[in-house]
N, C-alpha and C. Protein backbone atom coordinates (compact mmCIF):
# COMPACT_ATOMS: atom_id res chain seq x y z
N UNK A 1 0.84 -1.18 0.00
CA UNK A 1 0.00 0.00 0.00
C UNK A 1 0.89 1.24 0.00
N UNK A 2 0.61 2.14 -0.89
CA UNK A 2 1.40 3.37 -0.96
C UNK A 2 0.89 4.37 0.07
N UNK A 3 1.82 4.99 0.75
CA UNK A 3 1.47 5.99 1.76
C UNK A 3 1.04 7.29 1.11
N UNK A 4 1.68 7.63 0.00
CA UNK A 4 1.39 8.90 -0.66
C UNK A 4 0.73 8.68 -2.01
N UNK A 5 -0.20 9.51 -2.34
CA UNK A 5 -0.72 9.55 -3.70
C UNK A 5 0.33 10.23 -4.57
N UNK A 6 0.41 9.85 -5.84
CA UNK A 6 1.45 10.40 -6.71
C UNK A 6 1.24 11.88 -7.01
N UNK A 7 0.07 12.45 -6.73
CA UNK A 7 -0.15 13.86 -7.02
C UNK A 7 -0.18 14.75 -5.78
N UNK A 8 -0.31 14.21 -4.61
CA UNK A 8 -0.45 15.02 -3.41
C UNK A 8 0.78 15.87 -3.12
N UNK A 9 2.01 15.32 -3.07
CA UNK A 9 3.16 16.16 -2.71
C UNK A 9 3.39 17.30 -3.70
N UNK A 10 3.26 17.05 -4.98
CA UNK A 10 3.49 18.09 -5.97
C UNK A 10 2.43 19.19 -5.85
N UNK A 11 1.20 18.80 -5.64
CA UNK A 11 0.12 19.78 -5.49
C UNK A 11 0.36 20.67 -4.28
N UNK A 12 0.81 20.06 -3.21
CA UNK A 12 1.07 20.81 -1.99
C UNK A 12 2.14 21.87 -2.21
N UNK A 13 3.24 21.48 -2.85
CA UNK A 13 4.32 22.43 -3.11
C UNK A 13 3.86 23.51 -4.08
N UNK A 14 3.09 23.13 -5.10
CA UNK A 14 2.60 24.12 -6.06
C UNK A 14 1.72 25.16 -5.36
N UNK A 15 0.90 24.70 -4.44
CA UNK A 15 0.04 25.64 -3.69
C UNK A 15 0.89 26.59 -2.85
N UNK A 16 1.96 26.08 -2.26
CA UNK A 16 2.84 26.94 -1.46
C UNK A 16 3.47 28.03 -2.33
N UNK A 17 3.86 27.65 -3.54
CA UNK A 17 4.50 28.63 -4.43
C UNK A 17 3.52 29.67 -4.95
N UNK A 18 2.27 29.29 -5.13
CA UNK A 18 1.32 30.18 -5.78
C UNK A 18 0.31 30.79 -4.81
N UNK A 19 0.58 30.73 -3.52
CA UNK A 19 -0.38 31.22 -2.54
C UNK A 19 -0.56 32.73 -2.59
N UNK A 20 0.45 33.46 -3.01
CA UNK A 20 0.39 34.92 -3.06
C UNK A 20 0.29 35.37 -4.52
N UNK A 21 -0.57 36.32 -4.83
CA UNK A 21 -0.66 36.80 -6.20
C UNK A 21 0.70 37.34 -6.67
N UNK A 22 1.03 37.06 -7.92
CA UNK A 22 2.34 37.44 -8.46
C UNK A 22 2.58 38.94 -8.41
N UNK A 23 1.55 39.74 -8.63
CA UNK A 23 1.75 41.19 -8.65
C UNK A 23 2.09 41.75 -7.27
N UNK A 24 1.81 40.99 -6.20
CA UNK A 24 2.05 41.48 -4.85
C UNK A 24 3.42 41.06 -4.31
N UNK A 25 4.16 40.27 -5.06
CA UNK A 25 5.43 39.76 -4.57
C UNK A 25 6.57 40.76 -4.76
N UNK A 26 7.38 40.88 -3.73
CA UNK A 26 8.60 41.70 -3.82
C UNK A 26 9.75 40.80 -4.26
N UNK A 27 10.91 41.39 -4.48
CA UNK A 27 12.09 40.61 -4.84
C UNK A 27 12.39 39.57 -3.77
N UNK A 28 12.24 39.96 -2.50
CA UNK A 28 12.50 39.03 -1.39
C UNK A 28 11.48 37.89 -1.40
N UNK A 29 10.22 38.20 -1.71
CA UNK A 29 9.18 37.16 -1.76
C UNK A 29 9.48 36.15 -2.87
N UNK A 30 9.92 36.64 -4.04
CA UNK A 30 10.28 35.75 -5.13
C UNK A 30 11.48 34.88 -4.74
N UNK A 31 12.44 35.47 -4.04
CA UNK A 31 13.60 34.72 -3.58
C UNK A 31 13.17 33.61 -2.62
N UNK A 32 12.28 33.94 -1.70
CA UNK A 32 11.77 32.95 -0.74
C UNK A 32 11.00 31.85 -1.46
N UNK A 33 10.15 32.24 -2.41
CA UNK A 33 9.38 31.26 -3.17
C UNK A 33 10.28 30.31 -3.94
N UNK A 34 11.36 30.84 -4.51
CA UNK A 34 12.28 29.98 -5.27
C UNK A 34 12.99 29.00 -4.35
N UNK A 35 13.33 29.43 -3.15
CA UNK A 35 13.98 28.53 -2.19
C UNK A 35 13.01 27.44 -1.73
N UNK A 36 11.78 27.81 -1.45
CA UNK A 36 10.77 26.83 -1.06
C UNK A 36 10.58 25.80 -2.18
N UNK A 37 10.48 26.28 -3.41
CA UNK A 37 10.29 25.37 -4.53
C UNK A 37 11.47 24.43 -4.74
N UNK A 38 12.69 24.99 -4.75
CA UNK A 38 13.87 24.17 -5.01
C UNK A 38 14.11 23.15 -3.91
N UNK A 39 14.07 23.60 -2.67
CA UNK A 39 14.39 22.69 -1.58
C UNK A 39 13.21 21.82 -1.20
N UNK A 40 11.99 22.29 -1.48
CA UNK A 40 10.81 21.45 -1.30
C UNK A 40 10.81 20.29 -2.28
N UNK A 41 11.12 20.57 -3.55
CA UNK A 41 11.22 19.51 -4.55
C UNK A 41 12.31 18.51 -4.18
N UNK A 42 13.42 19.02 -3.69
CA UNK A 42 14.51 18.12 -3.29
C UNK A 42 14.06 17.22 -2.15
N UNK A 43 13.37 17.77 -1.18
CA UNK A 43 12.88 16.96 -0.06
C UNK A 43 11.90 15.89 -0.54
N UNK A 44 11.04 16.24 -1.48
CA UNK A 44 10.08 15.28 -2.01
C UNK A 44 10.80 14.20 -2.82
N UNK A 45 11.79 14.61 -3.64
CA UNK A 45 12.52 13.65 -4.47
C UNK A 45 13.29 12.63 -3.63
N UNK A 46 13.72 13.03 -2.45
CA UNK A 46 14.43 12.12 -1.55
C UNK A 46 13.45 11.39 -0.62
N UNK A 47 12.49 12.11 -0.08
CA UNK A 47 11.57 11.55 0.90
C UNK A 47 10.56 10.56 0.33
N UNK A 48 10.06 10.82 -0.86
CA UNK A 48 9.04 9.94 -1.44
C UNK A 48 9.59 8.52 -1.62
N UNK A 49 10.75 8.35 -2.25
CA UNK A 49 11.27 6.98 -2.36
C UNK A 49 11.54 6.34 -0.99
N UNK A 50 12.02 7.13 -0.04
CA UNK A 50 12.27 6.58 1.30
C UNK A 50 10.99 6.05 1.93
N UNK A 51 9.90 6.79 1.75
CA UNK A 51 8.61 6.36 2.32
C UNK A 51 8.10 5.09 1.65
N UNK A 52 8.52 4.84 0.44
CA UNK A 52 8.12 3.63 -0.27
C UNK A 52 9.15 2.50 -0.10
N UNK A 53 10.18 2.74 0.70
CA UNK A 53 11.21 1.72 0.90
C UNK A 53 12.19 1.61 -0.26
N UNK A 54 12.27 2.63 -1.09
CA UNK A 54 13.12 2.65 -2.28
C UNK A 54 14.40 3.43 -1.98
N UNK A 55 15.33 2.77 -1.28
CA UNK A 55 16.58 3.45 -0.91
C UNK A 55 17.40 3.83 -2.13
N UNK A 56 17.38 2.99 -3.16
CA UNK A 56 18.13 3.30 -4.37
C UNK A 56 17.62 4.59 -5.00
N UNK A 57 16.30 4.77 -5.03
CA UNK A 57 15.72 5.99 -5.58
C UNK A 57 16.11 7.22 -4.79
N UNK A 58 16.11 7.10 -3.47
CA UNK A 58 16.51 8.22 -2.62
C UNK A 58 17.98 8.56 -2.83
N UNK A 59 18.83 7.55 -2.90
CA UNK A 59 20.26 7.79 -3.13
C UNK A 59 20.51 8.42 -4.49
N UNK A 60 19.77 7.99 -5.50
CA UNK A 60 19.91 8.58 -6.83
C UNK A 60 19.46 10.04 -6.82
N UNK A 61 18.41 10.36 -6.08
CA UNK A 61 17.95 11.75 -5.98
C UNK A 61 19.00 12.61 -5.30
N UNK A 62 19.61 12.08 -4.23
CA UNK A 62 20.68 12.81 -3.54
C UNK A 62 21.86 13.03 -4.49
N UNK A 63 22.25 11.99 -5.20
CA UNK A 63 23.38 12.10 -6.13
C UNK A 63 23.09 13.07 -7.27
N UNK A 64 21.87 13.05 -7.79
CA UNK A 64 21.48 13.96 -8.88
C UNK A 64 21.55 15.41 -8.43
N UNK A 65 20.97 15.68 -7.27
CA UNK A 65 21.00 17.05 -6.74
C UNK A 65 22.41 17.49 -6.39
N UNK A 66 23.19 16.58 -5.80
CA UNK A 66 24.58 16.91 -5.45
C UNK A 66 25.42 17.20 -6.67
N UNK A 67 25.26 16.40 -7.72
CA UNK A 67 26.01 16.63 -8.95
C UNK A 67 25.63 17.96 -9.59
N UNK A 68 24.33 18.26 -9.62
CA UNK A 68 23.86 19.53 -10.19
C UNK A 68 24.43 20.71 -9.42
N UNK A 69 24.41 20.62 -8.09
CA UNK A 69 24.94 21.70 -7.25
C UNK A 69 26.44 21.85 -7.44
N UNK A 70 27.14 20.74 -7.52
CA UNK A 70 28.60 20.78 -7.71
C UNK A 70 28.97 21.45 -9.03
N UNK A 71 28.29 21.08 -10.11
CA UNK A 71 28.56 21.69 -11.42
C UNK A 71 28.21 23.17 -11.39
N UNK A 72 27.05 23.51 -10.83
CA UNK A 72 26.62 24.92 -10.78
C UNK A 72 27.62 25.76 -9.98
N UNK A 73 28.03 25.28 -8.82
CA UNK A 73 28.97 26.05 -7.99
C UNK A 73 30.34 26.15 -8.66
N UNK A 74 30.76 25.10 -9.35
CA UNK A 74 32.03 25.15 -10.09
C UNK A 74 32.00 26.19 -11.19
N UNK A 75 30.89 26.27 -11.91
CA UNK A 75 30.76 27.28 -12.97
C UNK A 75 30.67 28.69 -12.39
N UNK A 76 29.97 28.84 -11.27
CA UNK A 76 29.90 30.16 -10.62
C UNK A 76 31.30 30.64 -10.24
N UNK A 77 32.12 29.73 -9.72
CA UNK A 77 33.47 30.08 -9.29
C UNK A 77 34.40 30.38 -10.47
N UNK A 78 34.03 29.89 -11.63
CA UNK A 78 34.87 30.06 -12.82
C UNK A 78 34.45 31.25 -13.68
N UNK A 79 33.15 31.45 -13.84
CA UNK A 79 32.64 32.43 -14.83
C UNK A 79 32.50 33.84 -14.27
N UNK A 80 32.10 34.01 -13.04
CA UNK A 80 32.00 35.33 -12.38
C UNK A 80 31.05 36.30 -13.07
N UNK A 81 29.87 35.83 -13.42
CA UNK A 81 28.82 36.68 -14.01
C UNK A 81 28.16 37.51 -12.91
N UNK A 82 28.02 38.81 -13.13
CA UNK A 82 27.39 39.69 -12.14
C UNK A 82 25.88 39.47 -12.11
N UNK A 83 25.33 39.37 -10.91
CA UNK A 83 23.88 39.22 -10.75
C UNK A 83 23.17 40.49 -11.20
N UNK A 84 21.92 40.38 -11.65
CA UNK A 84 21.18 41.58 -12.07
C UNK A 84 21.05 42.63 -10.97
N UNK A 85 20.99 42.19 -9.70
CA UNK A 85 20.89 43.17 -8.61
C UNK A 85 22.25 43.71 -8.19
N UNK A 86 23.33 43.22 -8.81
CA UNK A 86 24.67 43.71 -8.53
C UNK A 86 25.26 43.22 -7.21
N UNK A 87 24.60 42.28 -6.52
CA UNK A 87 25.04 41.86 -5.19
C UNK A 87 26.35 41.09 -5.18
N UNK A 88 26.62 40.32 -6.24
CA UNK A 88 27.89 39.59 -6.33
C UNK A 88 28.10 39.10 -7.76
N UNK A 89 29.15 38.36 -7.97
CA UNK A 89 29.49 37.87 -9.31
C UNK A 89 29.30 36.35 -9.38
N UNK A 90 28.18 35.86 -8.85
CA UNK A 90 27.88 34.43 -8.85
C UNK A 90 26.53 34.15 -9.50
N UNK A 91 26.25 34.80 -10.61
CA UNK A 91 24.95 34.67 -11.25
C UNK A 91 24.84 33.43 -12.13
N UNK A 92 25.88 33.10 -12.87
CA UNK A 92 25.79 32.01 -13.85
C UNK A 92 26.44 30.75 -13.33
N UNK A 93 25.68 29.66 -13.34
CA UNK A 93 24.27 29.43 -13.62
C UNK A 93 23.45 29.50 -12.34
N UNK A 94 22.15 29.34 -12.46
CA UNK A 94 21.27 29.36 -11.29
C UNK A 94 21.36 28.03 -10.55
N UNK A 95 21.89 28.06 -9.34
CA UNK A 95 21.97 26.86 -8.52
C UNK A 95 20.61 26.36 -8.08
N UNK A 96 19.71 27.30 -7.69
CA UNK A 96 18.36 26.91 -7.29
C UNK A 96 17.67 26.15 -8.44
N UNK A 97 17.79 26.69 -9.65
CA UNK A 97 17.13 26.06 -10.79
C UNK A 97 17.76 24.71 -11.11
N UNK A 98 19.08 24.61 -11.00
CA UNK A 98 19.72 23.32 -11.29
C UNK A 98 19.28 22.25 -10.30
N UNK A 99 19.21 22.59 -9.02
CA UNK A 99 18.78 21.62 -8.00
C UNK A 99 17.31 21.25 -8.20
N UNK A 100 16.47 22.23 -8.53
CA UNK A 100 15.05 21.96 -8.75
C UNK A 100 14.84 21.02 -9.93
N UNK A 101 15.56 21.25 -11.02
CA UNK A 101 15.41 20.38 -12.19
C UNK A 101 16.01 19.00 -11.96
N UNK A 102 17.06 18.90 -11.17
CA UNK A 102 17.61 17.59 -10.83
C UNK A 102 16.57 16.79 -10.03
N UNK A 103 15.92 17.45 -9.07
CA UNK A 103 14.88 16.78 -8.28
C UNK A 103 13.70 16.38 -9.16
N UNK A 104 13.30 17.28 -10.05
CA UNK A 104 12.17 16.99 -10.94
C UNK A 104 12.49 15.81 -11.86
N UNK A 105 13.69 15.75 -12.39
CA UNK A 105 14.08 14.64 -13.26
C UNK A 105 14.11 13.33 -12.47
N UNK A 106 14.58 13.38 -11.23
CA UNK A 106 14.57 12.18 -10.39
C UNK A 106 13.14 11.70 -10.13
N UNK A 107 12.25 12.64 -9.83
CA UNK A 107 10.86 12.26 -9.62
C UNK A 107 10.24 11.69 -10.89
N UNK A 108 10.56 12.27 -12.03
CA UNK A 108 10.04 11.77 -13.30
C UNK A 108 10.50 10.34 -13.54
N UNK A 109 11.77 10.09 -13.31
CA UNK A 109 12.32 8.76 -13.56
C UNK A 109 11.78 7.71 -12.58
N UNK A 110 11.72 8.03 -11.30
CA UNK A 110 11.35 7.04 -10.29
C UNK A 110 9.84 6.92 -10.08
N UNK A 111 9.10 8.03 -10.20
CA UNK A 111 7.68 8.02 -9.89
C UNK A 111 6.79 8.07 -11.12
N UNK A 112 7.35 8.38 -12.27
CA UNK A 112 6.58 8.39 -13.50
C UNK A 112 6.19 9.78 -13.97
N UNK A 113 5.56 9.83 -15.14
CA UNK A 113 5.23 11.11 -15.77
C UNK A 113 4.27 11.99 -14.97
N UNK A 114 3.30 11.40 -14.29
CA UNK A 114 2.33 12.23 -13.56
C UNK A 114 3.04 13.09 -12.51
N UNK A 115 3.90 12.48 -11.71
CA UNK A 115 4.65 13.23 -10.70
C UNK A 115 5.71 14.10 -11.37
N UNK A 116 6.34 13.57 -12.41
CA UNK A 116 7.42 14.30 -13.08
C UNK A 116 6.97 15.58 -13.75
N UNK A 117 5.84 15.55 -14.41
CA UNK A 117 5.34 16.75 -15.09
C UNK A 117 5.00 17.83 -14.06
N UNK A 118 4.37 17.44 -12.96
CA UNK A 118 4.09 18.41 -11.89
C UNK A 118 5.38 18.97 -11.33
N UNK A 119 6.38 18.10 -11.15
CA UNK A 119 7.67 18.54 -10.61
C UNK A 119 8.38 19.47 -11.58
N UNK A 120 8.34 19.17 -12.88
CA UNK A 120 8.97 20.06 -13.86
C UNK A 120 8.27 21.42 -13.90
N UNK A 121 6.98 21.44 -13.67
CA UNK A 121 6.25 22.71 -13.61
C UNK A 121 6.75 23.55 -12.44
N UNK A 122 6.91 22.91 -11.29
CA UNK A 122 7.41 23.63 -10.12
C UNK A 122 8.85 24.07 -10.34
N UNK A 123 9.68 23.21 -10.94
CA UNK A 123 11.07 23.57 -11.23
C UNK A 123 11.13 24.78 -12.17
N UNK A 124 10.24 24.82 -13.14
CA UNK A 124 10.17 25.97 -14.05
C UNK A 124 9.79 27.24 -13.30
N UNK A 125 8.86 27.11 -12.36
CA UNK A 125 8.47 28.26 -11.53
C UNK A 125 9.65 28.74 -10.68
N UNK A 126 10.50 27.81 -10.24
CA UNK A 126 11.70 28.19 -9.49
C UNK A 126 12.59 29.07 -10.37
N UNK A 127 12.79 28.68 -11.62
CA UNK A 127 13.60 29.48 -12.55
C UNK A 127 13.01 30.86 -12.77
N UNK A 128 11.70 30.92 -12.97
CA UNK A 128 11.02 32.21 -13.16
C UNK A 128 11.18 33.06 -11.91
N UNK A 129 11.02 32.45 -10.74
CA UNK A 129 11.13 33.20 -9.48
C UNK A 129 12.55 33.73 -9.27
N UNK A 130 13.57 33.00 -9.70
CA UNK A 130 14.95 33.49 -9.57
C UNK A 130 15.15 34.74 -10.43
N UNK A 131 14.54 34.76 -11.61
CA UNK A 131 14.60 35.96 -12.43
C UNK A 131 13.83 37.11 -11.83
N UNK A 132 12.62 36.82 -11.34
CA UNK A 132 11.79 37.86 -10.72
C UNK A 132 12.42 38.41 -9.44
N UNK A 133 13.22 37.59 -8.76
CA UNK A 133 13.91 38.04 -7.55
C UNK A 133 15.11 38.92 -7.89
N UNK A 134 15.38 39.06 -9.18
CA UNK A 134 16.51 39.86 -9.66
C UNK A 134 17.86 39.25 -9.26
N UNK A 135 17.85 37.92 -9.11
CA UNK A 135 19.07 37.22 -8.74
C UNK A 135 19.78 36.61 -9.96
N UNK A 136 19.03 36.41 -11.06
CA UNK A 136 19.59 35.76 -12.24
C UNK A 136 19.04 36.37 -13.52
N UNK A 137 19.85 36.29 -14.56
CA UNK A 137 19.40 36.59 -15.91
C UNK A 137 18.66 35.35 -16.41
N UNK A 138 17.84 35.49 -17.45
CA UNK A 138 17.08 34.36 -17.96
C UNK A 138 18.00 33.22 -18.39
N UNK A 139 19.15 33.54 -18.98
CA UNK A 139 20.05 32.49 -19.45
C UNK A 139 20.74 31.76 -18.31
N UNK A 140 20.86 32.38 -17.15
CA UNK A 140 21.38 31.69 -15.97
C UNK A 140 20.43 30.55 -15.59
N UNK A 141 19.13 30.85 -15.65
CA UNK A 141 18.12 29.87 -15.29
C UNK A 141 18.01 28.76 -16.33
N UNK A 142 18.13 29.10 -17.59
CA UNK A 142 18.10 28.08 -18.64
C UNK A 142 19.30 27.15 -18.49
N UNK A 143 20.47 27.70 -18.22
CA UNK A 143 21.67 26.87 -18.00
C UNK A 143 21.50 26.00 -16.76
N UNK A 144 20.96 26.57 -15.69
CA UNK A 144 20.70 25.79 -14.48
C UNK A 144 19.74 24.64 -14.74
N UNK A 145 18.70 24.92 -15.53
CA UNK A 145 17.74 23.86 -15.88
C UNK A 145 18.41 22.75 -16.67
N UNK A 146 19.26 23.12 -17.61
CA UNK A 146 19.97 22.11 -18.42
C UNK A 146 20.90 21.26 -17.55
N UNK A 147 21.58 21.89 -16.62
CA UNK A 147 22.49 21.17 -15.72
C UNK A 147 21.69 20.19 -14.85
N UNK A 148 20.62 20.68 -14.24
CA UNK A 148 19.80 19.83 -13.38
C UNK A 148 19.13 18.70 -14.12
N UNK A 149 18.58 19.00 -15.28
CA UNK A 149 17.93 17.97 -16.10
C UNK A 149 18.93 16.90 -16.50
N UNK A 150 20.12 17.33 -16.93
CA UNK A 150 21.15 16.38 -17.33
C UNK A 150 21.58 15.49 -16.17
N UNK A 151 21.86 16.08 -15.02
CA UNK A 151 22.31 15.26 -13.89
C UNK A 151 21.19 14.33 -13.43
N UNK A 152 19.96 14.82 -13.40
CA UNK A 152 18.85 13.98 -12.98
C UNK A 152 18.61 12.80 -13.89
N UNK A 153 18.66 13.03 -15.20
CA UNK A 153 18.41 11.94 -16.14
C UNK A 153 19.60 11.00 -16.28
N UNK A 154 20.82 11.50 -16.09
CA UNK A 154 22.00 10.64 -16.19
C UNK A 154 22.20 9.78 -14.94
N UNK A 155 21.83 10.29 -13.79
CA UNK A 155 22.10 9.57 -12.54
C UNK A 155 20.91 8.75 -12.06
N UNK A 156 19.70 9.23 -12.28
CA UNK A 156 18.51 8.52 -11.81
C UNK A 156 18.01 7.58 -12.90
N UNK A 157 17.66 6.37 -12.49
CA UNK A 157 17.18 5.36 -13.44
C UNK A 157 15.84 4.81 -12.98
N UNK A 158 15.04 4.41 -13.94
CA UNK A 158 13.75 3.81 -13.62
C UNK A 158 14.00 2.56 -12.78
N UNK A 159 13.14 2.33 -11.78
CA UNK A 159 13.35 1.14 -10.95
C UNK A 159 13.11 -0.14 -11.75
N UNK A 160 13.98 -1.12 -11.57
CA UNK A 160 13.82 -2.43 -12.19
C UNK A 160 13.24 -3.33 -11.12
N UNK A 161 11.99 -3.66 -11.25
CA UNK A 161 11.29 -4.43 -10.22
C UNK A 161 11.75 -5.90 -10.18
N UNK A 162 12.51 -6.35 -11.19
CA UNK A 162 12.96 -7.74 -11.21
C UNK A 162 14.38 -7.92 -10.68
N UNK A 163 15.07 -6.85 -10.39
CA UNK A 163 16.43 -6.92 -9.88
C UNK A 163 16.54 -6.01 -8.66
N UNK A 164 17.16 -6.51 -7.61
CA UNK A 164 17.38 -5.70 -6.41
C UNK A 164 18.81 -5.87 -5.94
N UNK A 165 19.48 -4.77 -5.67
CA UNK A 165 20.82 -4.80 -5.09
C UNK A 165 20.72 -4.19 -3.70
N UNK A 166 21.16 -4.96 -2.70
CA UNK A 166 21.03 -4.51 -1.32
C UNK A 166 22.41 -4.50 -0.66
N UNK A 167 22.91 -3.30 -0.28
CA UNK A 167 24.18 -3.27 0.45
C UNK A 167 23.98 -3.73 1.89
N UNK A 168 24.99 -4.36 2.46
CA UNK A 168 24.91 -4.80 3.84
C UNK A 168 26.27 -4.64 4.52
N UNK A 169 26.22 -4.49 5.85
CA UNK A 169 27.44 -4.37 6.65
C UNK A 169 27.24 -5.15 7.93
N UNK A 170 28.32 -5.79 8.41
CA UNK A 170 28.29 -6.45 9.70
C UNK A 170 29.71 -6.57 10.22
N UNK A 171 29.87 -6.37 11.47
CA UNK A 171 31.21 -6.49 12.06
C UNK A 171 32.25 -5.69 11.33
N UNK A 172 33.21 -6.38 10.75
CA UNK A 172 34.29 -5.73 10.02
C UNK A 172 34.15 -5.89 8.51
N UNK A 173 33.01 -6.28 8.04
CA UNK A 173 32.85 -6.51 6.61
C UNK A 173 31.53 -5.99 6.09
N UNK A 174 31.34 -6.20 4.84
CA UNK A 174 30.13 -5.77 4.18
C UNK A 174 30.12 -6.27 2.76
N UNK A 175 29.07 -6.01 2.08
CA UNK A 175 28.99 -6.47 0.69
C UNK A 175 27.73 -5.98 0.02
N UNK A 176 27.46 -6.58 -1.10
CA UNK A 176 26.30 -6.23 -1.91
C UNK A 176 25.61 -7.52 -2.32
N UNK A 177 24.35 -7.65 -1.98
CA UNK A 177 23.57 -8.82 -2.35
C UNK A 177 22.75 -8.48 -3.58
N UNK A 178 22.79 -9.38 -4.57
CA UNK A 178 22.02 -9.19 -5.80
C UNK A 178 20.93 -10.25 -5.84
N UNK A 179 19.68 -9.81 -5.95
CA UNK A 179 18.55 -10.73 -6.06
C UNK A 179 17.85 -10.47 -7.39
N UNK A 180 17.54 -11.56 -8.09
CA UNK A 180 16.89 -11.45 -9.40
C UNK A 180 15.66 -12.34 -9.45
N UNK A 181 14.61 -11.84 -10.09
CA UNK A 181 13.39 -12.61 -10.29
C UNK A 181 13.29 -12.95 -11.77
N UNK A 182 13.10 -14.24 -12.06
CA UNK A 182 13.02 -14.69 -13.45
C UNK A 182 11.60 -14.98 -13.85
């Protein structure tokens, strides 16, 4: 029995992002909304598989988000693009957008298109919010989306219900058990 419906978590996050009319949002509100979206999606991408007992899915979501963040931060340290608000030279690419798209791609791969499409919608809203917060140029967000999408699709794989690999540890040793159903 599944604890979560495939549409409930995405709907909840979408409601959080859209609770305030867009015309009433300040730059700080857009910044807050983008953080809620990016880190909310990440929490769902990791938590949903854990609640279903899918440790491999959770680990893949962590790896996807970590890889996206690592690439984004490496490019920020190398390129030195000035943010639209002039606050610093770490605009390119958008880290929030890269993490959001990595989480969305993980959800798409592990939970299917229904959850994935909702997640990609929220990830897109994160990119829009980063621009509205005056933290990124549009191309920073597009690059962040490409980085996150790439890491999510390259690292996360659809679950194979006929093969299970289970790591184990005891005493001074450990290993990996492979179980296959024919």
